[in-house]
Amino acid sequence: MKVKDPGMLRRWRRQENLSQEQLGFLVKRSQTTIHLLETGRMTRLSEDLALALAVRLKRPWNELFELEDEERLGRRTDSGARPSPPQEPGSVSAPDGSQA
């Protein structure tokens, strides 16, 4: 994920009357991490951190952050894929799905 607008992240933190150090503590990260996100010098962050920040800043996550292209592709389901048939305990499937 990435920050949409680093300045917005700073404004929302200040609106909640939190220092960078306090917000870092609440989301289990360092003050330096918060600083890097707010200045745009840290461009990527985990989904867990994005969600934790959104909760602590009382904002919807998609207002502050956006998915990167790889993340969007990974979230799509492949409608053409067939699920594997259920197997009986102890049975082995061949690569083509037939019982070996």
PDB file of N, CA and C in Angstrom:
ATOM      1  N   MET A   1       0.840  -1.164   0.000  1.00  0.00           N
ATOM      2  CA  MET A   1       0.000   0.000   0.000  1.00  0.00           C
ATOM      3  C   MET A   1       0.891   1.234   0.000  1.00  0.00           C
ATOM      4  N   LYS A   2       0.298   2.344  -0.363  1.00  0.00           N
ATOM      5  CA  LYS A   2       1.048   3.588  -0.294  1.00  0.00           C
ATOM      6  C   LYS A   2       0.148   4.712   0.199  1.00  0.00           C
ATOM      7  N   VAL A   3       0.788   5.750   0.736  1.00  0.00           N
ATOM      8  CA  VAL A   3       0.081   6.911   1.275  1.00  0.00           C
ATOM      9  C   VAL A   3      -0.392   7.763   0.104  1.00  0.00           C
ATOM     10  N   LYS A   4      -1.678   8.120   0.108  1.00  0.00           N
ATOM     11  CA  LYS A   4      -2.193   8.984  -0.959  1.00  0.00           C
ATOM     12  C   LYS A   4      -1.589  10.377  -0.870  1.00  0.00           C
ATOM     13  N   ASP A   5      -1.642  10.970   0.328  1.00  0.00           N
ATOM     14  CA  ASP A   5      -1.173  12.331   0.537  1.00  0.00           C
ATOM     15  C   ASP A   5      -0.491  12.403   1.898  1.00  0.00           C
ATOM     16  N   PRO A   6       0.841  12.435   1.924  1.00  0.00           N
ATOM     17  CA  PRO A   6       1.546  12.472   3.206  1.00  0.00           C
ATOM     18  C   PRO A   6       1.117  13.645   4.095  1.00  0.00           C
ATOM     19  N   GLY A   7       0.849  14.796   3.495  1.00  0.00           N
ATOM     20  CA  GLY A   7       0.400  15.960   4.268  1.00  0.00           C
ATOM     21  C   GLY A   7      -0.933  15.714   4.956  1.00  0.00           C
ATOM     22  N   MET A   8      -1.811  14.966   4.298  1.00  0.00           N
ATOM     23  CA  MET A   8      -3.113  14.645   4.885  1.00  0.00           C
ATOM     24  C   MET A   8      -2.918  13.755   6.112  1.00  0.00           C
ATOM     25  N   LEU A   9      -1.993  12.820   6.013  1.00  0.00           N
ATOM     26  CA  LEU A   9      -1.701  11.944   7.139  1.00  0.00           C
ATOM     27  C   LEU A   9      -1.266  12.783   8.349  1.00  0.00           C
ATOM     28  N   ARG A  10      -0.411  13.760   8.118  1.00  0.00           N
ATOM     29  CA  ARG A  10       0.047  14.654   9.194  1.00  0.00           C
ATOM     30  C   ARG A  10      -1.113  15.474   9.762  1.00  0.00           C
ATOM     31  N   ARG A  11      -1.965  16.007   8.892  1.00  0.00           N
ATOM     32  CA  ARG A  11      -3.103  16.818   9.372  1.00  0.00           C
ATOM     33  C   ARG A  11      -4.037  16.005  10.259  1.00  0.00           C
ATOM     34  N   TRP A  12      -4.328  14.770   9.842  1.00  0.00           N
ATOM     35  CA  TRP A  12      -5.224  13.934  10.648  1.00  0.00           C
ATOM     36  C   TRP A  12      -4.578  13.554  11.976  1.00  0.00           C
ATOM     37  N   ARG A  13      -3.264  13.324  11.982  1.00  0.00           N
ATOM     38  CA  ARG A  13      -2.576  13.025  13.241  1.00  0.00           C
ATOM     39  C   ARG A  13      -2.669  14.212  14.181  1.00  0.00           C
ATOM     40  N   ARG A  14      -2.417  15.403  13.660  1.00  0.00           N
ATOM     41  CA  ARG A  14      -2.484  16.612  14.489  1.00  0.00           C
ATOM     42  C   ARG A  14      -3.905  16.875  14.986  1.00  0.00           C
ATOM     43  N   GLN A  15      -4.884  16.588  14.127  1.00  0.00           N
ATOM     44  CA  GLN A  15      -6.278  16.790  14.544  1.00  0.00           C
ATOM     45  C   GLN A  15      -6.636  15.900  15.740  1.00  0.00           C
ATOM     46  N   GLU A  16      -6.027  14.728  15.808  1.00  0.00           N
ATOM     47  CA  GLU A  16      -6.250  13.812  16.933  1.00  0.00           C
ATOM     48  C   GLU A  16      -5.344  14.141  18.126  1.00  0.00           C
ATOM     49  N   ASN A  17      -4.595  15.258  18.017  1.00  0.00           N
ATOM     50  CA  ASN A  17      -3.698  15.712  19.086  1.00  0.00           C
ATOM     51  C   ASN A  17      -2.673  14.651  19.479  1.00  0.00           C
ATOM     52  N   LEU A  18      -2.092  14.028  18.472  1.00  0.00           N
ATOM     53  CA  LEU A  18      -1.081  13.002  18.700  1.00  0.00           C
ATOM     54  C   LEU A  18       0.254  13.477  18.144  1.00  0.00           C
ATOM     55  N   SER A  19       1.322  13.226  18.881  1.00  0.00           N
ATOM     56  CA  SER A  19       2.656  13.468  18.345  1.00  0.00           C
ATOM     57  C   SER A  19       3.020  12.279  17.461  1.00  0.00           C
ATOM     58  N   GLN A  20       4.072  12.436  16.689  1.00  0.00           N
ATOM     59  CA  GLN A  20       4.549  11.311  15.890  1.00  0.00           C
ATOM     60  C   GLN A  20       4.940  10.152  16.796  1.00  0.00           C
ATOM     61  N   GLU A  21       5.557  10.473  17.909  1.00  0.00           N
ATOM     62  CA  GLU A  21       5.974   9.439  18.854  1.00  0.00           C
ATOM     63  C   GLU A  21       4.765   8.707  19.436  1.00  0.00           C
ATOM     64  N   GLN A  22       3.719   9.442  19.814  1.00  0.00           N
ATOM     65  CA  GLN A  22       2.515   8.813  20.373  1.00  0.00           C
ATOM     66  C   GLN A  22       1.826   7.921  19.349  1.00  0.00           C
ATOM     67  N   LEU A  23       1.679   8.416  18.121  1.00  0.00           N
ATOM     68  CA  LEU A  23       1.040   7.608  17.083  1.00  0.00           C
ATOM     69  C   LEU A  23       1.877   6.367  16.793  1.00  0.00           C
ATOM     70  N   GLY A  24       3.180   6.539  16.732  1.00  0.00           N
ATOM     71  CA  GLY A  24       4.060   5.384  16.523  1.00  0.00           C
ATOM     72  C   GLY A  24       3.875   4.338  17.607  1.00  0.00           C
ATOM     73  N   PHE A  25       3.782   4.779  18.844  1.00  0.00           N
ATOM     74  CA  PHE A  25       3.574   3.852  19.960  1.00  0.00           C
ATOM     75  C   PHE A  25       2.249   3.108  19.796  1.00  0.00           C
ATOM     76  N   LEU A  26       1.199   3.825  19.424  1.00  0.00           N
ATOM     77  CA  LEU A  26      -0.133   3.218  19.294  1.00  0.00           C
ATOM     78  C   LEU A  26      -0.203   2.169  18.186  1.00  0.00           C
ATOM     79  N   VAL A  27       0.605   2.354  17.143  1.00  0.00           N
ATOM     80  CA  VAL A  27       0.586   1.398  16.024  1.00  0.00           C
ATOM     81  C   VAL A  27       1.818   0.488  16.031  1.00  0.00           C
ATOM     82  N   LYS A  28       2.557   0.529  17.138  1.00  0.00           N
ATOM     83  CA  LYS A  28       3.726  -0.350  17.335  1.00  0.00           C
ATOM     84  C   LYS A  28       4.818  -0.128  16.284  1.00  0.00           C
ATOM     85  N   ARG A  29       5.066   1.138  15.983  1.00  0.00           N
ATOM     86  CA  ARG A  29       6.143   1.528  15.077  1.00  0.00           C
ATOM     87  C   ARG A  29       6.906   2.683  15.713  1.00  0.00           C
ATOM     88  N   SER A  30       8.011   3.048  15.126  1.00  0.00           N
ATOM     89  CA  SER A  30       8.819   4.132  15.683  1.00  0.00           C
ATOM     90  C   SER A  30       8.315   5.500  15.220  1.00  0.00           C
ATOM     91  N   GLN A  31       8.761   6.514  15.929  1.00  0.00           N
ATOM     92  CA  GLN A  31       8.465   7.897  15.531  1.00  0.00           C
ATOM     93  C   GLN A  31       9.063   8.156  14.157  1.00  0.00           C
ATOM     94  N   THR A  32      10.209   7.564  13.893  1.00  0.00           N
ATOM     95  CA  THR A  32      10.871   7.736  12.598  1.00  0.00           C
ATOM     96  C   THR A  32       9.995   7.213  11.460  1.00  0.00           C
ATOM     97  N   THR A  33       9.334   6.077  11.665  1.00  0.00           N
ATOM     98  CA  THR A  33       8.440   5.526  10.635  1.00  0.00           C
ATOM     99  C   THR A  33       7.314   6.510  10.331  1.00  0.00           C
ATOM    100  N   ILE A  34       6.716   7.078  11.375  1.00  0.00           N
ATOM    101  CA  ILE A  34       5.624   8.047  11.174  1.00  0.00           C
ATOM    102  C   ILE A  34       6.154   9.264  10.421  1.00  0.00           C
ATOM    103  N   HIS A  35       7.330   9.758  10.819  1.00  0.00           N
ATOM    104  CA  HIS A  35       7.956  10.899  10.140  1.00  0.00           C
ATOM    105  C   HIS A  35       8.178  10.601   8.656  1.00  0.00           C
ATOM    106  N   LEU A  36       8.725   9.424   8.357  1.00  0.00           N
ATOM    107  CA  LEU A  36       9.002   9.065   6.965  1.00  0.00           C
ATOM    108  C   LEU A  36       7.717   8.974   6.142  1.00  0.00           C
ATOM    109  N   LEU A  37       6.651   8.450   6.741  1.00  0.00           N
ATOM    110  CA  LEU A  37       5.364   8.383   6.031  1.00  0.00           C
ATOM    111  C   LEU A  37       4.810   9.776   5.767  1.00  0.00           C
ATOM    112  N   GLU A  38       4.902  10.653   6.765  1.00  0.00           N
ATOM    113  CA  GLU A  38       4.344  12.003   6.632  1.00  0.00           C
ATOM    114  C   GLU A  38       5.135  12.895   5.680  1.00  0.00           C
ATOM    115  N   THR A  39       6.398  12.588   5.483  1.00  0.00           N
ATOM    116  CA  THR A  39       7.203  13.400   4.573  1.00  0.00           C
ATOM    117  C   THR A  39       7.284  12.788   3.180  1.00  0.00           C
ATOM    118  N   GLY A  40       6.670  11.615   2.995  1.00  0.00           N
ATOM    119  CA  GLY A  40       6.682  10.970   1.686  1.00  0.00           C
ATOM    120  C   GLY A  40       7.974  10.238   1.385  1.00  0.00           C
ATOM    121  N   ARG A  41       8.863  10.115   2.368  1.00  0.00           N
ATOM    122  CA  ARG A  41      10.133   9.418   2.138  1.00  0.00           C
ATOM    123  C   ARG A  41      10.002   7.914   2.330  1.00  0.00           C
ATOM    124  N   MET A  42       8.913   7.470   2.919  1.00  0.00           N
ATOM    125  CA  MET A  42       8.604   6.038   2.992  1.00  0.00           C
ATOM    126  C   MET A  42       7.393   5.840   2.094  1.00  0.00           C
ATOM    127  N   THR A  43       7.586   5.173   0.975  1.00  0.00           N
ATOM    128  CA  THR A  43       6.529   5.117  -0.032  1.00  0.00           C
ATOM    129  C   THR A  43       5.615   3.917   0.105  1.00  0.00           C
ATOM    130  N   ARG A  44       6.101   2.832   0.704  1.00  0.00           N
ATOM    131  CA  ARG A  44       5.280   1.628   0.837  1.00  0.00           C
ATOM    132  C   ARG A  44       5.106   1.267   2.298  1.00  0.00           C
ATOM    133  N   LEU A  45       3.954   0.712   2.621  1.00  0.00           N
ATOM    134  CA  LEU A  45       3.708   0.239   3.965  1.00  0.00           C
ATOM    135  C   LEU A  45       2.821  -0.982   3.904  1.00  0.00           C
ATOM    136  N   SER A  46       2.844  -1.740   4.968  1.00  0.00           N
ATOM    137  CA  SER A  46       2.051  -2.967   5.007  1.00  0.00           C
ATOM    138  C   SER A  46       0.573  -2.629   5.186  1.00  0.00           C
ATOM    139  N   GLU A  47      -0.254  -3.573   4.801  1.00  0.00           N
ATOM    140  CA  GLU A  47      -1.690  -3.411   4.991  1.00  0.00           C
ATOM    141  C   GLU A  47      -2.017  -3.308   6.477  1.00  0.00           C
ATOM    142  N   ASP A  48      -1.321  -4.085   7.302  1.00  0.00           N
ATOM    143  CA  ASP A  48      -1.548  -4.036   8.750  1.00  0.00           C
ATOM    144  C   ASP A  48      -1.275  -2.643   9.307  1.00  0.00           C
ATOM    145  N   LEU A  49      -0.163  -2.038   8.890  1.00  0.00           N
ATOM    146  CA  LEU A  49       0.167  -0.697   9.378  1.00  0.00           C
ATOM    147  C   LEU A  49      -0.847   0.323   8.866  1.00  0.00           C
ATOM    148  N   ALA A  50      -1.239   0.220   7.619  1.00  0.00           N
ATOM    149  CA  ALA A  50      -2.225   1.157   7.064  1.00  0.00           C
ATOM    150  C   ALA A  50      -3.543   1.078   7.840  1.00  0.00           C
ATOM    151  N   LEU A  51      -3.995  -0.132   8.125  1.00  0.00           N
ATOM    152  CA  LEU A  51      -5.242  -0.289   8.872  1.00  0.00           C
ATOM    153  C   LEU A  51      -5.109   0.235  10.295  1.00  0.00           C
ATOM    154  N   ALA A  52      -3.977  -0.039  10.942  1.00  0.00           N
ATOM    155  CA  ALA A  52      -3.756   0.448  12.307  1.00  0.00           C
ATOM    156  C   ALA A  52      -3.751   1.980  12.350  1.00  0.00           C
ATOM    157  N   LEU A  53      -3.092   2.601  11.378  1.00  0.00           N
ATOM    158  CA  LEU A  53      -3.072   4.064  11.322  1.00  0.00           C
ATOM    159  C   LEU A  53      -4.472   4.625  11.086  1.00  0.00           C
ATOM    160  N   ALA A  54      -5.209   4.025  10.168  1.00  0.00           N
ATOM    161  CA  ALA A  54      -6.567   4.499   9.874  1.00  0.00           C
ATOM    162  C   ALA A  54      -7.456   4.417  11.118  1.00  0.00           C
ATOM    163  N   VAL A  55      -7.340   3.334  11.866  1.00  0.00           N
ATOM    164  CA  VAL A  55      -8.144   3.177  13.087  1.00  0.00           C
ATOM    165  C   VAL A  55      -7.772   4.257  14.098  1.00  0.00           C
ATOM    166  N   ARG A  56      -6.482   4.445  14.331  1.00  0.00           N
ATOM    167  CA  ARG A  56      -6.024   5.432  15.328  1.00  0.00           C
ATOM    168  C   ARG A  56      -6.334   6.864  14.908  1.00  0.00           C
ATOM    169  N   LEU A  57      -6.395   7.119  13.602  1.00  0.00           N
ATOM    170  CA  LEU A  57      -6.713   8.461  13.115  1.00  0.00           C
ATOM    171  C   LEU A  57      -8.204   8.632  12.838  1.00  0.00           C
ATOM    172  N   LYS A  58      -8.961   7.573  13.076  1.00  0.00           N
ATOM    173  CA  LYS A  58     -10.425   7.585  12.923  1.00  0.00           C
ATOM    174  C   LYS A  58     -10.864   7.994  11.523  1.00  0.00           C
ATOM    175  N   ARG A  59     -10.197   7.405  10.531  1.00  0.00           N
ATOM    176  CA  ARG A  59     -10.495   7.672   9.131  1.00  0.00           C
ATOM    177  C   ARG A  59     -10.632   6.353   8.401  1.00  0.00           C
ATOM    178  N   PRO A  60     -11.435   6.298   7.330  1.00  0.00           N
ATOM    179  CA  PRO A  60     -11.468   5.088   6.496  1.00  0.00           C
ATOM    180  C   PRO A  60     -10.091   4.903   5.856  1.00  0.00           C
ATOM    181  N   TRP A  61      -9.608   3.658   5.812  1.00  0.00           N
ATOM    182  CA  TRP A  61      -8.256   3.414   5.289  1.00  0.00           C
ATOM    183  C   TRP A  61      -8.096   3.902   3.859  1.00  0.00           C
ATOM    184  N   ASN A  62      -9.149   3.780   3.052  1.00  0.00           N
ATOM    185  CA  ASN A  62      -9.015   4.154   1.636  1.00  0.00           C
ATOM    186  C   ASN A  62      -9.039   5.668   1.429  1.00  0.00           C
ATOM    187  N   GLU A  63      -9.274   6.430   2.486  1.00  0.00           N
ATOM    188  CA  GLU A  63      -9.153   7.878   2.399  1.00  0.00           C
ATOM    189  C   GLU A  63      -7.685   8.304   2.535  1.00  0.00           C
ATOM    190  N   LEU A  64      -6.919   7.495   3.249  1.00  0.00           N
ATOM    191  CA  LEU A  64      -5.511   7.808   3.504  1.00  0.00           C
ATOM    192  C   LEU A  64      -4.539   7.040   2.615  1.00  0.00           C
ATOM    193  N   PHE A  65      -4.927   5.830   2.212  1.00  0.00           N
ATOM    194  CA  PHE A  65      -4.009   4.934   1.520  1.00  0.00           C
ATOM    195  C   PHE A  65      -4.655   4.370   0.260  1.00  0.00           C
ATOM    196  N   GLU A  66      -3.813   3.870  -0.636  1.00  0.00           N
ATOM    197  CA  GLU A  66      -4.323   3.210  -1.835  1.00  0.00           C
ATOM    198  C   GLU A  66      -3.517   1.954  -2.101  1.00  0.00           C
ATOM    199  N   LEU A  67      -4.186   1.000  -2.708  1.00  0.00           N
ATOM    200  CA  LEU A  67      -3.519  -0.241  -3.086  1.00  0.00           C
ATOM    201  C   LEU A  67      -2.630   0.018  -4.278  1.00  0.00           C
ATOM    202  N   GLU A  68      -1.520  -0.677  -4.328  1.00  0.00           N
ATOM    203  CA  GLU A  68      -0.653  -0.590  -5.495  1.00  0.00           C
ATOM    204  C   GLU A  68      -1.131  -1.600  -6.519  1.00  0.00           C
ATOM    205  N   ASP A  69      -0.676  -1.478  -7.750  1.00  0.00           N
ATOM    206  CA  ASP A  69      -1.156  -2.330  -8.834  1.00  0.00           C
ATOM    207  C   ASP A  69      -1.044  -3.815  -8.517  1.00  0.00           C
ATOM    208  N   GLU A  70       0.104  -4.247  -7.962  1.00  0.00           N
ATOM    209  CA  GLU A  70       0.278  -5.669  -7.661  1.00  0.00           C
ATOM    210  C   GLU A  70      -0.750  -6.143  -6.646  1.00  0.00           C
ATOM    211  N   GLU A  71      -1.072  -5.287  -5.681  1.00  0.00           N
ATOM    212  CA  GLU A  71      -2.041  -5.656  -4.651  1.00  0.00           C
ATOM    213  C   GLU A  71      -3.447  -5.770  -5.243  1.00  0.00           C
ATOM    214  N   ARG A  72      -3.767  -4.879  -6.174  1.00  0.00           N
ATOM    215  CA  ARG A  72      -5.080  -4.950  -6.824  1.00  0.00           C
ATOM    216  C   ARG A  72      -5.219  -6.248  -7.600  1.00  0.00           C
ATOM    217  N   LEU A  73      -4.173  -6.618  -8.333  1.00  0.00           N
ATOM    218  CA  LEU A  73      -4.221  -7.841  -9.131  1.00  0.00           C
ATOM    219  C   LEU A  73      -4.329  -9.062  -8.232  1.00  0.00           C
ATOM    220  N   GLY A  74      -3.639  -9.064  -7.125  1.00  0.00           N
ATOM    221  CA  GLY A  74      -3.658 -10.191  -6.209  1.00  0.00           C
ATOM    222  C   GLY A  74      -5.003 -10.391  -5.534  1.00  0.00           C
ATOM    223  N   ARG A  75      -5.812  -9.371  -5.469  1.00  0.00           N
ATOM    224  CA  ARG A  75      -7.111  -9.457  -4.807  1.00  0.00           C
ATOM    225  C   ARG A  75      -8.209  -9.968  -5.730  1.00  0.00           C
ATOM    226  N   ARG A  76      -7.976  -9.956  -7.018  1.00  0.00           N
ATOM    227  CA  ARG A  76      -8.996 -10.446  -7.958  1.00  0.00           C
ATOM    228  C   ARG A  76      -9.060 -11.958  -7.914  1.00  0.00           C
ATOM    229  N   THR A  77     -10.250 -12.471  -8.088  1.00  0.00           N
ATOM    230  CA  THR A  77     -10.381 -13.925  -8.137  1.00  0.00           C
ATOM    231  C   THR A  77     -10.348 -14.364  -9.585  1.00  0.00           C
ATOM    232  N   ASP A  78      -9.809 -15.507  -9.811  1.00  0.00           N
ATOM    233  CA  ASP A  78      -9.723 -16.069 -11.153  1.00  0.00           C
ATOM    234  C   ASP A  78     -10.980 -16.898 -11.380  1.00  0.00           C
ATOM    235  N   SER A  79     -11.946 -16.328 -12.099  1.00  0.00           N
ATOM    236  CA  SER A  79     -13.227 -17.016 -12.283  1.00  0.00           C
ATOM    237  C   SER A  79     -13.102 -18.247 -13.180  1.00  0.00           C
ATOM    238  N   GLY A  80     -11.980 -18.361 -13.904  1.00  0.00           N
ATOM    239  CA  GLY A  80     -11.820 -19.507 -14.782  1.00  0.00           C
ATOM    240  C   GLY A  80     -11.240 -20.730 -14.082  1.00  0.00           C
ATOM    241  N   ALA A  81     -10.737 -20.546 -12.880  1.00  0.00           N
ATOM    242  CA  ALA A  81     -10.107 -21.673 -12.188  1.00  0.00           C
ATOM    243  C   ALA A  81     -11.167 -22.562 -11.555  1.00  0.00           C
ATOM    244  N   ARG A  82     -10.954 -23.875 -11.676  1.00  0.00           N
ATOM    245  CA  ARG A  82     -11.866 -24.841 -11.057  1.00  0.00           C
ATOM    246  C   ARG A  82     -11.320 -25.223  -9.694  1.00  0.00           C
ATOM    247  N   PRO A  83     -12.171 -25.316  -8.699  1.00  0.00           N
ATOM    248  CA  PRO A  83     -11.685 -25.770  -7.407  1.00  0.00           C
ATOM    249  C   PRO A  83     -11.299 -27.240  -7.484  1.00  0.00           C
ATOM    250  N   SER A  84     -10.337 -27.636  -6.665  1.00  0.00           N
ATOM    251  CA  SER A  84      -9.929 -29.033  -6.620  1.00  0.00           C
ATOM    252  C   SER A  84     -11.041 -29.860  -6.000  1.00  0.00           C
ATOM    253  N   PRO A  85     -11.271 -31.063  -6.534  1.00  0.00           N
ATOM    254  CA  PRO A  85     -12.307 -31.908  -5.947  1.00  0.00           C
ATOM    255  C   PRO A  85     -11.880 -32.370  -4.559  1.00  0.00           C
ATOM    256  N   PRO A  86     -12.830 -32.573  -3.671  1.00  0.00           N
ATOM    257  CA  PRO A  86     -12.471 -33.042  -2.333  1.00  0.00           C
ATOM    258  C   PRO A  86     -11.829 -34.422  -2.408  1.00  0.00           C
ATOM    259  N   GLN A  87     -10.907 -34.671  -1.506  1.00  0.00           N
ATOM    260  CA  GLN A  87     -10.210 -35.952  -1.493  1.00  0.00           C
ATOM    261  C   GLN A  87     -10.566 -36.722  -0.225  1.00  0.00           C
ATOM    262  N   GLU A  88     -10.540 -38.028  -0.362  1.00  0.00           N
ATOM    263  CA  GLU A  88     -10.724 -38.872   0.811  1.00  0.00           C
ATOM    264  C   GLU A  88      -9.404 -38.929   1.550  1.00  0.00           C
ATOM    265  N   PRO A  89      -9.450 -39.070   2.888  1.00  0.00           N
ATOM    266  CA  PRO A  89      -8.206 -39.159   3.646  1.00  0.00           C
ATOM    267  C   PRO A  89      -7.332 -40.292   3.114  1.00  0.00           C
ATOM    268  N   GLY A  90      -6.051 -39.996   2.936  1.00  0.00           N
ATOM    269  CA  GLY A  90      -5.107 -41.006   2.486  1.00  0.00           C
ATOM    270  C   GLY A  90      -5.001 -41.129   0.984  1.00  0.00           C
ATOM    271  N   SER A  91      -5.894 -40.503   0.209  1.00  0.00           N
ATOM    272  CA  SER A  91      -5.812 -40.606  -1.242  1.00  0.00           C
ATOM    273  C   SER A  91      -4.850 -39.559  -1.773  1.00  0.00           C
ATOM    274  N   VAL A  92      -4.319 -39.802  -2.950  1.00  0.00           N
ATOM    275  CA  VAL A  92      -3.345 -38.902  -3.566  1.00  0.00           C
ATOM    276  C   VAL A  92      -3.898 -38.522  -4.937  1.00  0.00           C
ATOM    277  N   SER A  93      -3.846 -37.251  -5.271  1.00  0.00           N
ATOM    278  CA  SER A  93      -4.288 -36.785  -6.577  1.00  0.00           C
ATOM    279  C   SER A  93      -3.128 -36.681  -7.527  1.00  0.00           C
ATOM    280  N   ALA A  94      -3.353 -37.050  -8.756  1.00  0.00           N
ATOM    281  CA  ALA A  94      -2.367 -36.851  -9.815  1.00  0.00           C
ATOM    282  C   ALA A  94      -2.439 -35.389 -10.223  1.00  0.00           C
ATOM    283  N   PRO A  95      -1.407 -34.870 -10.888  1.00  0.00           N
ATOM    284  CA  PRO A  95      -1.402 -33.464 -11.307  1.00  0.00           C
ATOM    285  C   PRO A  95      -2.613 -33.072 -12.143  1.00  0.00           C
ATOM    286  N   ASP A  96      -3.230 -34.010 -12.857  1.00  0.00           N
ATOM    287  CA  ASP A  96      -4.391 -33.667 -13.687  1.00  0.00           C
ATOM    288  C   ASP A  96      -5.695 -33.719 -12.900  1.00  0.00           C
ATOM    289  N   GLY A  97      -5.626 -34.025 -11.594  1.00  0.00           N
ATOM    290  CA  GLY A  97      -6.830 -34.037 -10.751  1.00  0.00           C
ATOM    291  C   GLY A  97      -7.437 -35.411 -10.572  1.00  0.00           C
ATOM    292  N   SER A  98      -6.953 -36.403 -11.358  1.00  0.00           N
ATOM    293  CA  SER A  98      -7.505 -37.751 -11.216  1.00  0.00           C
ATOM    294  C   SER A  98      -6.896 -38.429  -9.998  1.00  0.00           C
ATOM    295  N   GLN A  99      -7.571 -39.440  -9.487  1.00  0.00           N
ATOM    296  CA  GLN A  99      -7.065 -40.167  -8.324  1.00  0.00           C
ATOM    297  C   GLN A  99      -5.959 -41.123  -8.746  1.00  0.00           C
ATOM    298  N   ALA A 100      -4.851 -41.091  -8.055  1.00  0.00           N
ATOM    299  CA  ALA A 100      -3.706 -41.942  -8.403  1.00  0.00           C
ATOM    300  C   ALA A 100      -3.786 -43.259  -7.653  1.00  0.00           C
TER     301      ALA A 100
END
